[in-house]
Amino acid sequence: MKKSSASKETAASEKAVTGKKAVAGKKTAAKKAEGKKTAATKTPEKGTAATKAAAGKTVAKKAAAGRTSAKKAAAGKTVAKKAAPLKRQAPAKKPAVAPKKATAAVKGVAPAKTVAPTSPSGESRTALVRRARRIDRELAEVYPYAHPELDFENPFQLVVATVLSAQTTDLRVNQTTPALFAKYPTPEDLAAAVPEEVEEILRPTGFFRAKTKSVIGLSKALTEDFGGEVPGRLEDLVKLPGVGRKTAFVVLGNAFGRPGITVDTHFQRLVRRWRWTEETDPDKIEAAVGALFPKSDWTDLSHHVIWHGRRICHARKPACGACPIAPLCPAYGEGETDPEKAKKLLKYEKGGFPGQRLKPPRAYLDAGGKAALPLGAG
């Protein structure tokens, strides 16, 4: 019995020891598990830092790669620019060159002599004088019958007609003055006229009220200050109402035979095209051009230039292809250079049309010119 009890105690003791060992083992296992958890917890922190570092390196590599790509792209663009073919530039427009001889197909236009085109760039004074006088000589051959294109029989009629020609054509004045001079033949008659009656006669010329005031005023001045006679001096003429230097020179040159330059719109346009002067003021143009010619040539020069401006060298469409002085003109090419097309731009006798005078000189008619028609006849 005692043995059995001892055995039982021994077995119990063993069981207790075994149980303690088991419990201790479990605690040890638990501690190890906790250690592993702690290690696991710490490991992600290290992993996160490593991941961040790796990510940072990746970003840096990408940035470097981006910079490299940008450099390559820039280099590629540079190469592309170098390699790109140059755009073809439009060929520069060649300036029109005046023909050596102007067309002789135009009736009444004398062919110009063979002259090398002259460039006014850096042109000396002597060269300018020679070129200007050469142009005038050529025009004298083309218009040997050039004359004032206002109908008149005496100085009084010429001064009145010239005043009326402002802002209208000589043709319209020539169609209007016959009725005016038939009713008021002398300065005394016109000075005593009723303004309203004169206005009705002058209505076709435009600005008829102002023109009526001028012609009646100058008629009174002629009657009161000059004994009914038109004075033959520039300083006296410009004192008359409506009379300026241009009108005065027309009267002096064509009624008294005293040389003068008539600077009208045609004259101004052409002398600038020919580069005789760069001036725009009429008085300065008169002085500049007058210095290029002998005084004795002034009146005929005015006719030549004005006639050429009215017939060939128009303001908007100059007929360059039919111009007899094309080789001498710096502005050649501003207008139509085709001879056939240019021929259609000619006016008056050069184009086969009537002139501006109802009673033109015989020389004009002999050269093929035609008289203008009276007002209302055409």
Protein backbone atom coordinates (compact mmCIF):
# COMPACT_ATOMS: atom_id res chain seq x y z
CA MET A 1 0.00 0.00 0.00
CA LYS A 2 2.86 2.28 0.95
CA LYS A 3 4.54 1.46 -2.35
CA SER A 4 1.51 2.26 -4.29
CA SER A 5 1.22 5.53 -2.50
CA ALA A 6 4.86 6.31 -3.20
CA SER A 7 4.44 5.45 -6.79
CA LYS A 8 1.46 7.71 -7.02
CA GLU A 9 3.40 10.57 -5.43
CA THR A 10 6.31 9.98 -7.76
CA ALA A 11 4.01 9.99 -10.74
CA ALA A 12 2.33 13.12 -9.48
CA SER A 13 5.67 14.79 -8.98
CA GLU A 14 6.75 13.88 -12.46
CA LYS A 15 3.49 15.18 -13.81
CA ALA A 16 3.98 18.41 -11.94
CA VAL A 17 7.49 18.81 -13.22
CA THR A 18 6.33 17.99 -16.68
CA GLY A 19 3.54 20.53 -16.35
CA LYS A 20 5.94 23.21 -15.16
CA LYS A 21 8.24 22.47 -18.07
CA ALA A 22 5.29 22.69 -20.41
CA VAL A 23 4.23 25.99 -18.92
CA ALA A 24 7.78 27.29 -19.11
CA GLY A 25 8.01 26.09 -22.69
CA LYS A 26 4.81 27.86 -23.53
CA LYS A 27 6.09 31.10 -21.95
CA THR A 28 9.32 30.79 -23.85
CA ALA A 29 7.42 30.18 -27.06
CA ALA A 30 5.22 33.16 -26.30
CA LYS A 31 8.26 35.35 -25.71
CA LYS A 32 9.81 34.16 -28.95
CA ALA A 33 6.57 34.90 -30.75
CA GLU A 34 6.48 38.37 -29.27
CA GLY A 35 10.10 38.85 -30.30
CA LYS A 36 9.26 37.83 -33.81
CA LYS A 37 6.33 40.27 -33.83
CA THR A 38 8.58 43.04 -32.60
CA ALA A 39 11.15 42.18 -35.19
CA ALA A 40 8.44 42.08 -37.79
CA THR A 41 7.23 45.49 -36.68
CA LYS A 42 10.74 46.94 -36.83
CA THR A 43 11.46 45.36 -40.19
CA PRO A 44 8.70 47.26 -42.07
CA GLU A 45 10.12 50.54 -40.77
CA LYS A 46 13.50 49.61 -42.18
CA GLY A 47 11.76 48.45 -45.38
CA THR A 48 9.88 51.68 -45.68
CA ALA A 49 13.06 53.72 -45.42
CA ALA A 50 14.73 51.44 -47.92
CA THR A 51 11.72 51.73 -50.21
CA LYS A 52 11.80 55.50 -49.95
CA ALA A 53 15.47 55.57 -50.68
CA ALA A 54 14.98 53.29 -53.64
CA ALA A 55 12.09 55.42 -54.86
CA GLY A 56 14.22 58.55 -54.48
CA LYS A 57 16.97 56.97 -56.53
CA THR A 58 14.39 55.98 -59.17
CA VAL A 59 13.04 59.55 -59.34
CA ALA A 60 16.55 60.91 -59.63
CA LYS A 61 17.31 58.45 -62.39
CA LYS A 62 14.08 59.45 -64.19
CA ALA A 63 14.90 63.14 -63.79
CA ALA A 64 18.37 62.56 -65.15
CA ALA A 65 16.89 60.52 -67.96
CA GLY A 66 14.41 63.36 -68.59
CA ARG A 67 17.19 65.87 -68.80
CA THR A 68 19.08 63.63 -71.14
CA SER A 69 15.93 63.24 -73.27
CA ALA A 70 15.42 67.01 -73.29
CA LYS A 71 19.00 67.52 -74.39
CA LYS A 72 18.55 64.94 -77.10
CA ALA A 73 15.28 66.56 -78.17
CA ALA A 74 16.93 69.99 -78.31
CA ALA A 75 19.80 68.53 -80.26
CA GLY A 76 17.29 66.88 -82.54
CA LYS A 77 15.53 70.20 -83.15
CA THR A 78 18.84 71.86 -83.91
CA VAL A 79 19.68 69.13 -86.34
CA ALA A 80 16.20 69.39 -87.82
CA LYS A 81 16.63 73.13 -88.25
CA LYS A 82 19.96 72.61 -89.91
CA ALA A 83 18.63 69.79 -92.02
CA ALA A 84 15.36 71.56 -92.94
CA PRO A 85 15.53 72.88 -96.48
CA LEU A 86 15.57 76.65 -96.83
CA LYS A 87 12.33 78.22 -98.06
CA ARG A 88 12.56 79.38 -101.59
CA GLN A 89 12.46 83.12 -101.68
CA ALA A 90 10.34 84.80 -104.30
CA PRO A 91 12.55 86.31 -106.97
CA ALA A 92 12.94 90.05 -106.62
CA LYS A 93 10.73 92.01 -108.96
CA LYS A 94 12.81 93.42 -111.75
CA PRO A 95 12.30 97.13 -112.31
CA ALA A 96 10.80 98.05 -115.62
CA VAL A 97 13.46 99.12 -118.06
CA ALA A 98 12.57 101.72 -120.58
CA PRO A 99 12.87 100.55 -124.16
CA LYS A 100 15.67 102.01 -126.18
CA LYS A 101 13.13 103.39 -128.57
CA ALA A 102 9.62 104.42 -127.70
CA THR A 103 6.86 103.02 -129.82
CA ALA A 104 6.32 104.78 -133.11
CA ALA A 105 2.99 103.06 -133.70
CA VAL A 106 1.11 105.83 -131.93
CA LYS A 107 -0.07 108.40 -134.39
CA GLY A 108 1.47 111.80 -133.84
CA VAL A 109 4.07 110.60 -131.32
CA ALA A 110 7.61 111.02 -132.56
CA PRO A 111 9.88 108.11 -131.63
CA ALA A 112 12.50 108.93 -129.04
CA LYS A 113 16.14 108.67 -129.91
CA THR A 114 18.16 105.82 -128.47
CA VAL A 115 19.22 106.91 -125.00
CA ALA A 116 20.47 104.79 -122.12
CA PRO A 117 18.11 105.10 -119.13
CA THR A 118 19.45 107.63 -116.68
CA SER A 119 19.40 107.03 -112.94
CA PRO A 120 18.89 110.22 -110.95
CA SER A 121 20.52 108.60 -107.93
CA GLY A 122 23.55 110.71 -107.16
CA GLU A 123 22.97 112.71 -110.33
CA SER A 124 25.17 115.78 -110.56
CA ARG A 125 23.76 119.22 -111.16
CA THR A 126 25.22 119.30 -114.63
CA ALA A 127 23.74 115.90 -115.48
CA LEU A 128 20.32 117.01 -114.20
CA VAL A 129 20.39 120.16 -116.33
CA ARG A 130 21.34 118.17 -119.42
CA ARG A 131 18.67 115.55 -118.82
CA ALA A 132 15.96 118.13 -118.15
CA ARG A 133 16.78 120.09 -121.31
CA ARG A 134 16.93 116.89 -123.34
CA ILE A 135 13.42 116.01 -122.18
CA ASP A 136 12.15 119.44 -123.17
CA ARG A 137 13.72 119.12 -126.62
CA GLU A 138 12.11 115.72 -127.12
CA LEU A 139 8.71 117.09 -126.06
CA ALA A 140 9.11 120.02 -128.45
CA GLU A 141 9.36 117.49 -131.28
CA VAL A 142 6.28 115.64 -130.05
CA TYR A 143 4.18 118.78 -129.49
CA PRO A 144 5.41 121.39 -132.00
CA TYR A 145 1.92 122.89 -131.98
CA ALA A 146 1.67 123.23 -128.16
CA HIS A 147 -0.25 126.33 -127.14
CA PRO A 148 -2.46 127.58 -124.28
CA GLU A 149 -5.61 125.48 -124.37
CA LEU A 150 -7.93 128.34 -123.50
CA ASP A 151 -9.77 130.21 -126.24
CA PHE A 152 -9.10 133.96 -126.08
CA GLU A 153 -8.81 136.95 -128.37
CA ASN A 154 -7.23 139.50 -126.01
CA PRO A 155 -5.53 139.74 -122.60
CA PHE A 156 -8.84 140.47 -120.82
CA GLN A 157 -10.44 137.30 -122.14
CA LEU A 158 -7.33 135.28 -121.24
CA VAL A 159 -7.17 136.50 -117.64
CA VAL A 160 -10.87 135.84 -117.11
CA ALA A 161 -10.72 132.40 -118.74
CA THR A 162 -7.67 131.45 -116.64
CA VAL A 163 -9.44 132.42 -113.42
CA LEU A 164 -12.43 130.33 -114.46
CA SER A 165 -10.24 127.29 -115.22
CA ALA A 166 -9.64 126.59 -111.53
CA GLN A 167 -11.11 123.22 -110.46
CA THR A 168 -12.41 122.43 -113.95
CA THR A 169 -11.14 121.62 -117.44
CA ASP A 170 -10.09 124.08 -120.11
CA LEU A 171 -12.70 122.43 -122.33
CA ARG A 172 -15.53 123.37 -119.96
CA VAL A 173 -14.23 126.95 -119.76
CA ASN A 174 -13.98 127.18 -123.55
CA GLN A 175 -17.57 125.99 -123.82
CA THR A 176 -18.72 128.62 -121.29
CA THR A 177 -16.85 131.82 -122.14
CA PRO A 178 -18.43 132.49 -125.58
CA ALA A 179 -21.74 133.36 -123.91
CA LEU A 180 -19.96 135.35 -121.19
CA PHE A 181 -17.89 137.50 -123.56
CA ALA A 182 -20.80 137.94 -125.95
CA LYS A 183 -22.77 139.62 -123.16
CA TYR A 184 -19.82 141.29 -121.35
CA PRO A 185 -17.07 141.98 -123.92
CA THR A 186 -15.08 144.54 -121.87
CA PRO A 187 -13.93 144.94 -118.27
CA GLU A 188 -16.36 147.86 -117.89
CA ASP A 189 -19.29 145.68 -118.98
CA LEU A 190 -18.42 142.83 -116.65
CA ALA A 191 -17.73 145.21 -113.75
CA ALA A 192 -21.29 146.53 -114.04
CA ALA A 193 -22.92 143.09 -114.44
CA VAL A 194 -25.62 141.71 -112.17
CA PRO A 195 -23.96 138.88 -110.18
CA GLU A 196 -26.94 136.53 -110.45
CA GLU A 197 -26.89 136.76 -114.24
CA VAL A 198 -23.18 136.03 -114.38
CA GLU A 199 -23.64 133.09 -112.01
CA GLU A 200 -26.11 131.46 -114.38
CA ILE A 201 -23.63 131.71 -117.25
CA LEU A 202 -20.74 130.36 -115.17
CA ARG A 203 -22.69 127.56 -113.47
CA PRO A 204 -21.20 124.80 -115.74
CA THR A 205 -17.67 125.61 -114.55
CA GLY A 206 -18.39 124.78 -110.91
CA PHE A 207 -17.85 127.06 -107.89
CA PHE A 208 -19.74 129.61 -109.98
CA ARG A 209 -20.56 132.00 -107.11
CA ALA A 210 -16.92 132.39 -106.06
CA LYS A 211 -15.82 132.66 -109.68
CA THR A 212 -18.48 135.29 -110.37
CA LYS A 213 -17.19 137.33 -107.46
CA SER A 214 -13.62 137.04 -108.77
CA VAL A 215 -14.26 138.00 -112.40
CA ILE A 216 -16.50 140.92 -111.47
CA GLY A 217 -13.96 142.02 -108.88
CA LEU A 218 -10.98 141.88 -111.26
CA SER A 219 -13.03 143.71 -113.92
CA LYS A 220 -13.72 146.51 -111.44
CA ALA A 221 -10.03 146.64 -110.51
CA LEU A 222 -9.00 146.82 -114.17
CA THR A 223 -11.54 149.61 -114.77
CA GLU A 224 -10.68 151.65 -111.69
CA ASP A 225 -6.93 151.07 -111.35
CA PHE A 226 -5.63 150.30 -114.85
CA GLY A 227 -7.90 152.22 -117.21
CA GLY A 228 -9.69 149.08 -118.39
CA GLU A 229 -6.46 147.47 -119.57
CA VAL A 230 -4.76 144.30 -118.33
CA PRO A 231 -1.36 145.22 -116.86
CA GLY A 232 1.74 143.56 -118.24
CA ARG A 233 3.67 143.28 -114.97
CA LEU A 234 3.63 140.40 -112.52
CA GLU A 235 3.39 142.63 -109.45
CA ASP A 236 0.27 144.32 -110.86
CA LEU A 237 -1.45 141.17 -112.06
CA VAL A 238 -1.25 139.37 -108.71
CA LYS A 239 -3.13 142.27 -107.09
CA LEU A 240 -6.24 141.45 -109.10
CA PRO A 241 -8.97 139.37 -107.36
CA GLY A 242 -8.58 135.66 -108.18
CA VAL A 243 -5.19 136.11 -109.86
CA GLY A 244 -2.14 134.29 -108.48
CA ARG A 245 1.31 133.66 -109.87
CA LYS A 246 0.14 130.78 -112.07
CA THR A 247 -2.59 132.87 -113.73
CA ALA A 248 -0.25 135.83 -114.01
CA PHE A 249 2.40 133.78 -115.83
CA VAL A 250 -0.21 132.37 -118.22
CA VAL A 251 -1.22 135.93 -119.12
CA LEU A 252 2.32 137.28 -119.29
CA GLY A 253 3.62 134.42 -121.40
CA ASN A 254 0.73 134.10 -123.84
CA ALA A 255 -0.71 137.62 -124.06
CA PHE A 256 2.45 139.70 -123.65
CA GLY A 257 5.22 137.35 -124.75
CA ARG A 258 7.01 137.62 -121.40
CA PRO A 259 8.48 134.31 -120.23
CA GLY A 260 6.95 132.61 -117.23
CA ILE A 261 6.53 129.11 -115.80
CA THR A 262 2.98 127.90 -115.25
CA VAL A 263 2.97 125.50 -112.31
CA ASP A 264 -0.38 123.74 -112.53
CA THR A 265 -1.22 120.22 -111.27
CA HIS A 266 0.18 118.53 -114.39
CA PHE A 267 3.42 120.50 -114.23
CA GLN A 268 3.90 119.68 -110.55
CA ARG A 269 3.28 115.97 -111.08
CA LEU A 270 5.61 115.55 -114.02
CA VAL A 271 8.61 117.49 -112.76
CA ARG A 272 8.56 115.39 -109.60
CA ARG A 273 8.25 112.17 -111.61
CA TRP A 274 11.23 113.24 -113.66
CA ARG A 275 13.01 114.22 -110.44
CA TRP A 276 13.79 117.70 -111.57
CA THR A 277 12.86 118.74 -108.03
CA GLU A 278 11.50 117.27 -104.80
CA GLU A 279 9.67 120.46 -103.88
CA THR A 280 5.89 120.47 -103.44
CA ASP A 281 5.21 124.18 -103.01
CA PRO A 282 4.33 125.75 -106.41
CA ASP A 283 6.55 128.80 -105.86
CA LYS A 284 9.53 126.62 -104.92
CA ILE A 285 8.88 124.34 -107.89
CA GLU A 286 8.82 127.38 -110.15
CA ALA A 287 12.18 128.56 -108.82
CA ALA A 288 13.81 125.10 -108.92
CA VAL A 289 12.72 124.29 -112.47
CA GLY A 290 13.36 127.81 -113.73
CA ALA A 291 16.99 127.44 -112.68
CA LEU A 292 17.40 124.47 -115.05
CA PHE A 293 16.41 126.37 -118.21
CA PRO A 294 17.11 129.66 -119.94
CA LYS A 295 14.39 132.19 -119.16
CA SER A 296 13.47 132.40 -122.83
CA ASP A 297 12.34 128.73 -122.71
CA TRP A 298 9.99 129.04 -119.76
CA THR A 299 6.68 129.60 -121.55
CA ASP A 300 7.14 126.88 -124.16
CA LEU A 301 8.50 124.53 -121.48
CA SER A 302 5.27 125.00 -119.55
CA HIS A 303 3.20 124.11 -122.61
CA HIS A 304 5.29 121.01 -123.37
CA VAL A 305 5.08 119.65 -119.85
CA ILE A 306 1.37 120.37 -119.40
CA TRP A 307 0.47 118.90 -122.79
CA HIS A 308 2.42 115.75 -122.04
CA GLY A 309 0.69 115.42 -118.67
CA ARG A 310 -2.75 115.73 -120.24
CA ARG A 311 -2.16 113.34 -123.11
CA ILE A 312 0.30 110.63 -122.03
CA CYS A 313 1.72 110.99 -118.52
CA HIS A 314 -1.57 110.82 -116.63
CA ALA A 315 -1.87 111.00 -112.86
CA ARG A 316 -3.31 107.51 -112.27
CA LYS A 317 -2.44 105.53 -115.37
CA PRO A 318 0.50 106.98 -117.25
CA ALA A 319 0.92 105.46 -120.69
CA CYS A 320 4.59 104.51 -120.26
CA GLY A 321 4.53 102.13 -123.22
CA ALA A 322 3.58 104.98 -125.56
CA CYS A 323 5.83 107.62 -124.05
CA PRO A 324 8.41 109.17 -126.40
CA ILE A 325 10.70 110.16 -123.54
CA ALA A 326 10.62 106.79 -121.74
CA PRO A 327 14.43 106.30 -121.97
CA LEU A 328 14.93 109.57 -120.10
CA CYS A 329 12.28 109.02 -117.42
CA PRO A 330 13.25 107.79 -113.92
CA ALA A 331 9.60 106.88 -113.27
CA TYR A 332 9.25 104.59 -116.29
CA GLY A 333 7.18 101.56 -115.30
CA GLU A 334 4.78 103.34 -112.95
CA GLY A 335 2.16 103.00 -115.65
CA GLU A 336 1.25 100.60 -118.44
CA THR A 337 4.36 99.54 -120.37
CA ASP A 338 2.70 97.37 -123.00
CA PRO A 339 2.59 99.52 -126.16
CA GLU A 340 -0.83 98.35 -127.32
CA LYS A 341 -2.44 98.77 -123.90
CA ALA A 342 -0.70 102.09 -123.38
CA LYS A 343 -1.99 103.33 -126.73
CA LYS A 344 -5.55 103.00 -125.46
CA LEU A 345 -4.77 105.42 -122.61
CA LEU A 346 -3.82 108.33 -124.88
CA LYS A 347 -6.04 111.38 -124.91
CA TYR A 348 -6.95 114.22 -127.24
CA GLU A 349 -5.16 114.28 -130.58
CA LYS A 350 -2.76 111.51 -129.50
CA GLY A 351 -5.70 109.20 -129.05
CA GLY A 352 -7.65 110.48 -132.04
CA PHE A 353 -10.07 112.56 -129.95
CA PRO A 354 -11.06 116.25 -130.15
CA GLY A 355 -8.94 118.73 -128.23
CA GLN A 356 -10.06 121.29 -125.67
CA ARG A 357 -10.29 124.42 -127.79
CA LEU A 358 -13.29 125.30 -129.89
CA LYS A 359 -11.02 127.52 -131.98
CA PRO A 360 -7.58 125.86 -131.98
CA PRO A 361 -4.61 127.28 -133.93
CA ARG A 362 -4.09 126.21 -137.52
CA ALA A 363 -0.88 124.38 -136.63
CA TYR A 364 -2.86 122.12 -134.32
CA LEU A 365 -5.42 121.31 -136.96
CA ASP A 366 -2.72 120.69 -139.56
CA ALA A 367 -1.11 118.16 -137.20
CA GLY A 368 -4.33 116.15 -137.08
CA GLY A 369 -5.93 117.81 -134.09
CA LYS A 370 -9.68 118.30 -133.89
CA ALA A 371 -11.65 121.23 -132.52
CA ALA A 372 -13.78 120.68 -129.43
CA LEU A 373 -17.56 120.74 -129.66
CA PRO A 374 -19.64 123.57 -128.16
CA LEU A 375 -21.44 123.08 -124.86
CA GLY A 376 -24.38 120.71 -125.28
CA ALA A 377 -23.38 119.66 -128.78
CA GLY A 378 -21.84 116.34 -127.82
